[in-house]
Amino acid sequence: QSTNLIPYSEDFSNSSWTKTNVSVASNSVTSPDGTINADYLQENTANGTHIIRRTFALNASDYTLSVFAKQGIGSTRQVGLLFNELGTGALFNLNDGSVAALFGSPVVKSEEIGNGWFKFSITVTSTAISVNCRIYLGKDNVWTGPWVGDGNSGVYIWGAQLEEQSYSTSY
């Protein structure tokens, strides 16, 4: 058993999620739980990073950040997870679930759920620090640097979790 430290973990349109160069369309497609409650994370046309994020105060402990993701429309074919201030993250391919790039040295896991959905997770060891937990859109293996969005492409996301332990539990 574990506690999900992320409130509004299925509602990425909620104002508690800071959005940079993206918009969120709620309840856009059927999620892994069989309900039409997965959101569409769509890039805008800015030359920048395309992310949503939440800030958390972490203890000196292991933490695992995870999210379910599915390919949307257009050229965005990757999604990344990052503990920003810890300098640790991973970029995942949505066509096959493989790791496209690593930032730092997280423990990564990719699990195919079915129906085009993957569950991606990264685990890090944290010092007691306040961090931004970020979900990135990626394209052509670019995620931490700027790239120009087309205003249409994006990915479906659902069920974000932040757990104070060294593995992700079922959502």
C-alpha atoms as a PDB file:
ATOM      1  CA  GLN A   1       0.000   0.000   0.000  1.00  0.00           C
ATOM      2  CA  SER A   2       1.142   3.512  -0.763  1.00  0.00           C
ATOM      3  CA  THR A   3      -0.087   7.093  -0.742  1.00  0.00           C
ATOM      4  CA  ASN A   4      -0.317   9.085  -3.971  1.00  0.00           C
ATOM      5  CA  LEU A   5       1.055  12.520  -3.069  1.00  0.00           C
ATOM      6  CA  ILE A   6      -0.493  14.166  -6.159  1.00  0.00           C
ATOM      7  CA  PRO A   7      -3.941  15.701  -5.710  1.00  0.00           C
ATOM      8  CA  TYR A   8      -5.929  16.003  -8.966  1.00  0.00           C
ATOM      9  CA  SER A   9      -3.870  13.163 -10.377  1.00  0.00           C
ATOM     10  CA  GLU A  10      -6.406  12.565 -13.165  1.00  0.00           C
ATOM     11  CA  ASP A  11      -7.395  16.192 -13.787  1.00  0.00           C
ATOM     12  CA  PHE A  12      -4.469  17.908 -15.469  1.00  0.00           C
ATOM     13  CA  SER A  13      -6.680  20.888 -16.367  1.00  0.00           C
ATOM     14  CA  ASN A  14      -6.900  21.757 -12.650  1.00  0.00           C
ATOM     15  CA  SER A  15      -5.161  25.019 -11.724  1.00  0.00           C
ATOM     16  CA  SER A  16      -2.874  23.154  -9.303  1.00  0.00           C
ATOM     17  CA  TRP A  17      -0.976  21.973 -12.409  1.00  0.00           C
ATOM     18  CA  THR A  18       1.200  24.760 -13.847  1.00  0.00           C
ATOM     19  CA  LYS A  19       1.105  24.663 -17.639  1.00  0.00           C
ATOM     20  CA  THR A  20       3.882  25.999 -19.858  1.00  0.00           C
ATOM     21  CA  ASN A  21       3.328  26.091 -23.631  1.00  0.00           C
ATOM     22  CA  VAL A  22       0.571  23.456 -23.443  1.00  0.00           C
ATOM     23  CA  SER A  23      -3.176  23.264 -23.075  1.00  0.00           C
ATOM     24  CA  VAL A  24      -5.226  20.458 -21.554  1.00  0.00           C
ATOM     25  CA  ALA A  25      -8.466  19.051 -22.956  1.00  0.00           C
ATOM     26  CA  SER A  26     -10.237  17.098 -20.217  1.00  0.00           C
ATOM     27  CA  ASN A  27     -11.952  13.737 -20.626  1.00  0.00           C
ATOM     28  CA  SER A  28     -10.757  13.249 -24.196  1.00  0.00           C
ATOM     29  CA  VAL A  29     -10.358   9.475 -24.487  1.00  0.00           C
ATOM     30  CA  THR A  30     -10.876   6.238 -22.580  1.00  0.00           C
ATOM     31  CA  SER A  31      -8.229   5.755 -19.882  1.00  0.00           C
ATOM     32  CA  PRO A  32      -6.796   2.434 -18.666  1.00  0.00           C
ATOM     33  CA  ASP A  33      -9.632   2.223 -16.097  1.00  0.00           C
ATOM     34  CA  GLY A  34     -12.212   2.029 -18.928  1.00  0.00           C
ATOM     35  CA  THR A  35     -13.694   5.480 -18.306  1.00  0.00           C
ATOM     36  CA  ILE A  36     -13.554   8.452 -20.695  1.00  0.00           C
ATOM     37  CA  ASN A  37     -11.439  10.509 -18.301  1.00  0.00           C
ATOM     38  CA  ALA A  38      -7.941  10.737 -19.830  1.00  0.00           C
ATOM     39  CA  ASP A  39      -6.771  14.230 -20.755  1.00  0.00           C
ATOM     40  CA  TYR A  40      -5.128  15.456 -23.967  1.00  0.00           C
ATOM     41  CA  LEU A  41      -1.927  17.429 -23.400  1.00  0.00           C
ATOM     42  CA  GLN A  42      -1.487  19.598 -26.499  1.00  0.00           C
ATOM     43  CA  GLU A  43       1.554  21.668 -27.429  1.00  0.00           C
ATOM     44  CA  ASN A  44       1.186  25.286 -28.520  1.00  0.00           C
ATOM     45  CA  THR A  45       3.299  27.020 -31.187  1.00  0.00           C
ATOM     46  CA  ALA A  46       5.921  28.467 -28.824  1.00  0.00           C
ATOM     47  CA  ASN A  47       9.627  27.829 -29.141  1.00  0.00           C
ATOM     48  CA  GLY A  48      10.204  26.469 -25.639  1.00  0.00           C
ATOM     49  CA  THR A  49       9.611  23.551 -23.322  1.00  0.00           C
ATOM     50  CA  HIS A  50       6.106  22.081 -23.348  1.00  0.00           C
ATOM     51  CA  ILE A  51       5.309  20.887 -19.819  1.00  0.00           C
ATOM     52  CA  ILE A  52       2.951  20.617 -16.886  1.00  0.00           C
ATOM     53  CA  ARG A  53       4.347  20.609 -13.365  1.00  0.00           C
ATOM     54  CA  ARG A  54       3.622  20.509  -9.640  1.00  0.00           C
ATOM     55  CA  THR A  55       5.899  21.481  -6.755  1.00  0.00           C
ATOM     56  CA  PHE A  56       6.412  19.161  -3.793  1.00  0.00           C
ATOM     57  CA  ALA A  57       8.508  19.291  -0.628  1.00  0.00           C
ATOM     58  CA  LEU A  58      10.346  15.963  -0.489  1.00  0.00           C
ATOM     59  CA  ASN A  59      11.962  14.223   2.456  1.00  0.00           C
ATOM     60  CA  ALA A  60      15.353  12.564   2.283  1.00  0.00           C
ATOM     61  CA  SER A  61      13.964   9.357   0.809  1.00  0.00           C
ATOM     62  CA  ASP A  62      13.265   7.406  -2.380  1.00  0.00           C
ATOM     63  CA  TYR A  63      10.460   8.721  -4.600  1.00  0.00           C
ATOM     64  CA  THR A  64       8.764   7.320  -7.672  1.00  0.00           C
ATOM     65  CA  LEU A  65       6.940   9.498 -10.213  1.00  0.00           C
ATOM     66  CA  SER A  66       4.700   7.758 -12.737  1.00  0.00           C
ATOM     67  CA  VAL A  67       2.067   8.530 -15.357  1.00  0.00           C
ATOM     68  CA  PHE A  68       0.022   6.650 -17.927  1.00  0.00           C
ATOM     69  CA  ALA A  69       0.496   7.973 -21.467  1.00  0.00           C
ATOM     70  CA  LYS A  70      -0.746   7.194 -24.968  1.00  0.00           C
ATOM     71  CA  GLN A  71       0.179   8.599 -28.378  1.00  0.00           C
ATOM     72  CA  GLY A  72      -2.071  11.447 -29.444  1.00  0.00           C
ATOM     73  CA  ILE A  73      -2.145  13.119 -32.832  1.00  0.00           C
ATOM     74  CA  GLY A  74       0.632  14.796 -34.791  1.00  0.00           C
ATOM     75  CA  SER A  75       4.373  14.717 -34.350  1.00  0.00           C
ATOM     76  CA  THR A  76       4.688  14.564 -30.549  1.00  0.00           C
ATOM     77  CA  ARG A  77       5.769  10.979 -29.976  1.00  0.00           C
ATOM     78  CA  GLN A  78       7.444  11.144 -26.584  1.00  0.00           C
ATOM     79  CA  VAL A  79       6.630  11.963 -22.976  1.00  0.00           C
ATOM     80  CA  GLY A  80       9.131  12.731 -20.236  1.00  0.00           C
ATOM     81  CA  LEU A  81       9.136  12.630 -16.444  1.00  0.00           C
ATOM     82  CA  LEU A  82      11.547  14.830 -14.497  1.00  0.00           C
ATOM     83  CA  PHE A  83      12.413  15.734 -10.915  1.00  0.00           C
ATOM     84  CA  ASN A  84      13.723  19.136 -12.000  1.00  0.00           C
ATOM     85  CA  GLU A  85      15.797  20.338  -9.032  1.00  0.00           C
ATOM     86  CA  LEU A  86      17.299  16.860  -8.640  1.00  0.00           C
ATOM     87  CA  GLY A  87      18.341  16.904 -12.311  1.00  0.00           C
ATOM     88  CA  THR A  88      16.903  13.457 -12.921  1.00  0.00           C
ATOM     89  CA  GLY A  89      14.437  12.285 -15.542  1.00  0.00           C
ATOM     90  CA  ALA A  90      13.656  10.122 -18.541  1.00  0.00           C
ATOM     91  CA  LEU A  91      12.094  10.593 -21.959  1.00  0.00           C
ATOM     92  CA  PHE A  92       9.984   7.691 -23.251  1.00  0.00           C
ATOM     93  CA  ASN A  93       8.877   6.767 -26.782  1.00  0.00           C
ATOM     94  CA  LEU A  94       5.121   6.327 -27.117  1.00  0.00           C
ATOM     95  CA  ASN A  95       5.333   4.019 -30.124  1.00  0.00           C
ATOM     96  CA  ASP A  96       7.092   1.200 -28.261  1.00  0.00           C
ATOM     97  CA  GLY A  97       7.685   2.327 -24.647  1.00  0.00           C
ATOM     98  CA  SER A  98      11.468   2.457 -25.001  1.00  0.00           C
ATOM     99  CA  VAL A  99      13.644   5.026 -23.252  1.00  0.00           C
ATOM    100  CA  ALA A 100      14.650   7.779 -25.697  1.00  0.00           C
ATOM    101  CA  ALA A 101      16.892   9.759 -23.337  1.00  0.00           C
ATOM    102  CA  LEU A 102      18.004   9.905 -19.710  1.00  0.00           C
ATOM    103  CA  PHE A 103      18.766  12.958 -17.622  1.00  0.00           C
ATOM    104  CA  GLY A 104      20.817  12.035 -14.565  1.00  0.00           C
ATOM    105  CA  SER A 105      20.560   8.476 -13.275  1.00  0.00           C
ATOM    106  CA  PRO A 106      16.961   7.552 -12.473  1.00  0.00           C
ATOM    107  CA  VAL A 107      15.706   3.999 -12.208  1.00  0.00           C
ATOM    108  CA  VAL A 108      13.201   3.770 -15.083  1.00  0.00           C
ATOM    109  CA  LYS A 109      10.349   1.444 -15.846  1.00  0.00           C
ATOM    110  CA  SER A 110       8.093   1.198 -18.875  1.00  0.00           C
ATOM    111  CA  GLU A 111       5.102  -1.104 -18.894  1.00  0.00           C
ATOM    112  CA  GLU A 112       2.732  -1.666 -21.821  1.00  0.00           C
ATOM    113  CA  ILE A 113      -0.827  -1.622 -20.480  1.00  0.00           C
ATOM    114  CA  GLY A 114      -2.711  -2.297 -23.733  1.00  0.00           C
ATOM    115  CA  ASN A 115      -4.844  -0.271 -26.110  1.00  0.00           C
ATOM    116  CA  GLY A 116      -1.825   1.951 -26.862  1.00  0.00           C
ATOM    117  CA  TRP A 117      -1.292   2.880 -23.189  1.00  0.00           C
ATOM    118  CA  PHE A 118       2.002   2.703 -21.309  1.00  0.00           C
ATOM    119  CA  LYS A 119       2.787   3.295 -17.647  1.00  0.00           C
ATOM    120  CA  PHE A 120       6.100   5.120 -17.306  1.00  0.00           C
ATOM    121  CA  SER A 121       7.908   5.654 -14.017  1.00  0.00           C
ATOM    122  CA  ILE A 122      11.170   7.028 -12.682  1.00  0.00           C
ATOM    123  CA  THR A 123      12.615   6.487  -9.224  1.00  0.00           C
ATOM    124  CA  VAL A 124      15.151   8.758  -7.536  1.00  0.00           C
ATOM    125  CA  THR A 125      16.746   9.212  -4.146  1.00  0.00           C
ATOM    126  CA  SER A 126      16.065  12.701  -2.869  1.00  0.00           C
ATOM    127  CA  THR A 127      17.585  14.963  -0.295  1.00  0.00           C
ATOM    128  CA  ALA A 128      15.112  17.047   1.693  1.00  0.00           C
ATOM    129  CA  ILE A 129      14.275  19.577  -1.002  1.00  0.00           C
ATOM    130  CA  SER A 130      11.423  21.300  -2.794  1.00  0.00           C
ATOM    131  CA  VAL A 131      11.171  20.028  -6.386  1.00  0.00           C
ATOM    132  CA  ASN A 132       9.123  20.540  -9.513  1.00  0.00           C
ATOM    133  CA  CYS A 133       7.791  17.209 -10.749  1.00  0.00           C
ATOM    134  CA  ARG A 134       7.325  17.691 -14.473  1.00  0.00           C
ATOM    135  CA  ILE A 135       5.585  15.877 -17.297  1.00  0.00           C
ATOM    136  CA  TYR A 136       7.111  16.882 -20.621  1.00  0.00           C
ATOM    137  CA  LEU A 137       6.086  16.578 -24.216  1.00  0.00           C
ATOM    138  CA  GLY A 138       9.003  15.445 -26.353  1.00  0.00           C
ATOM    139  CA  LYS A 139       9.708  15.388 -30.057  1.00  0.00           C
ATOM    140  CA  ASP A 140      12.715  13.982 -31.904  1.00  0.00           C
ATOM    141  CA  ASN A 141      14.433  13.197 -28.575  1.00  0.00           C
ATOM    142  CA  VAL A 142      14.251  16.883 -27.532  1.00  0.00           C
ATOM    143  CA  TRP A 143      12.649  17.606 -24.195  1.00  0.00           C
ATOM    144  CA  THR A 144      14.738  19.658 -21.782  1.00  0.00           C
ATOM    145  CA  GLY A 145      15.604  22.245 -24.422  1.00  0.00           C
ATOM    146  CA  PRO A 146      13.297  24.423 -26.492  1.00  0.00           C
ATOM    147  CA  TRP A 147      11.546  23.280 -29.651  1.00  0.00           C
ATOM    148  CA  VAL A 148       8.805  24.826 -31.772  1.00  0.00           C
ATOM    149  CA  GLY A 149       5.385  23.266 -31.283  1.00  0.00           C
ATOM    150  CA  ASP A 150       2.885  22.961 -34.129  1.00  0.00           C
ATOM    151  CA  GLY A 151      -0.160  23.934 -32.041  1.00  0.00           C
ATOM    152  CA  ASN A 152      -1.929  20.623 -32.601  1.00  0.00           C
ATOM    153  CA  SER A 153       0.240  17.649 -31.602  1.00  0.00           C
ATOM    154  CA  GLY A 154       0.069  16.058 -28.189  1.00  0.00           C
ATOM    155  CA  VAL A 155      -0.350  13.000 -26.009  1.00  0.00           C
ATOM    156  CA  TYR A 156      -3.041  11.513 -23.803  1.00  0.00           C
ATOM    157  CA  ILE A 157      -2.185  11.278 -20.109  1.00  0.00           C
ATOM    158  CA  TRP A 158      -3.896   9.893 -17.044  1.00  0.00           C
ATOM    159  CA  GLY A 159      -3.211   8.789 -13.505  1.00  0.00           C
ATOM    160  CA  ALA A 160      -0.088  10.582 -12.315  1.00  0.00           C
ATOM    161  CA  GLN A 161       1.432   9.307  -9.076  1.00  0.00           C
ATOM    162  CA  LEU A 162       4.168  10.470  -6.745  1.00  0.00           C
ATOM    163  CA  GLU A 163       5.000   7.899  -4.086  1.00  0.00           C
ATOM    164  CA  GLU A 164       7.565   7.995  -1.294  1.00  0.00           C
ATOM    165  CA  GLN A 165       9.120   4.617  -2.045  1.00  0.00           C
ATOM    166  CA  SER A 166      11.416   2.958  -4.543  1.00  0.00           C
ATOM    167  CA  TYR A 167       8.718   1.543  -6.855  1.00  0.00           C
ATOM    168  CA  SER A 168       5.347   2.436  -8.339  1.00  0.00           C
ATOM    169  CA  THR A 169       2.226   0.683  -7.093  1.00  0.00           C
ATOM    170  CA  SER A 170      -0.953   0.064  -9.052  1.00  0.00           C
ATOM    171  CA  TYR A 171      -2.979   3.209  -9.569  1.00  0.00           C
END
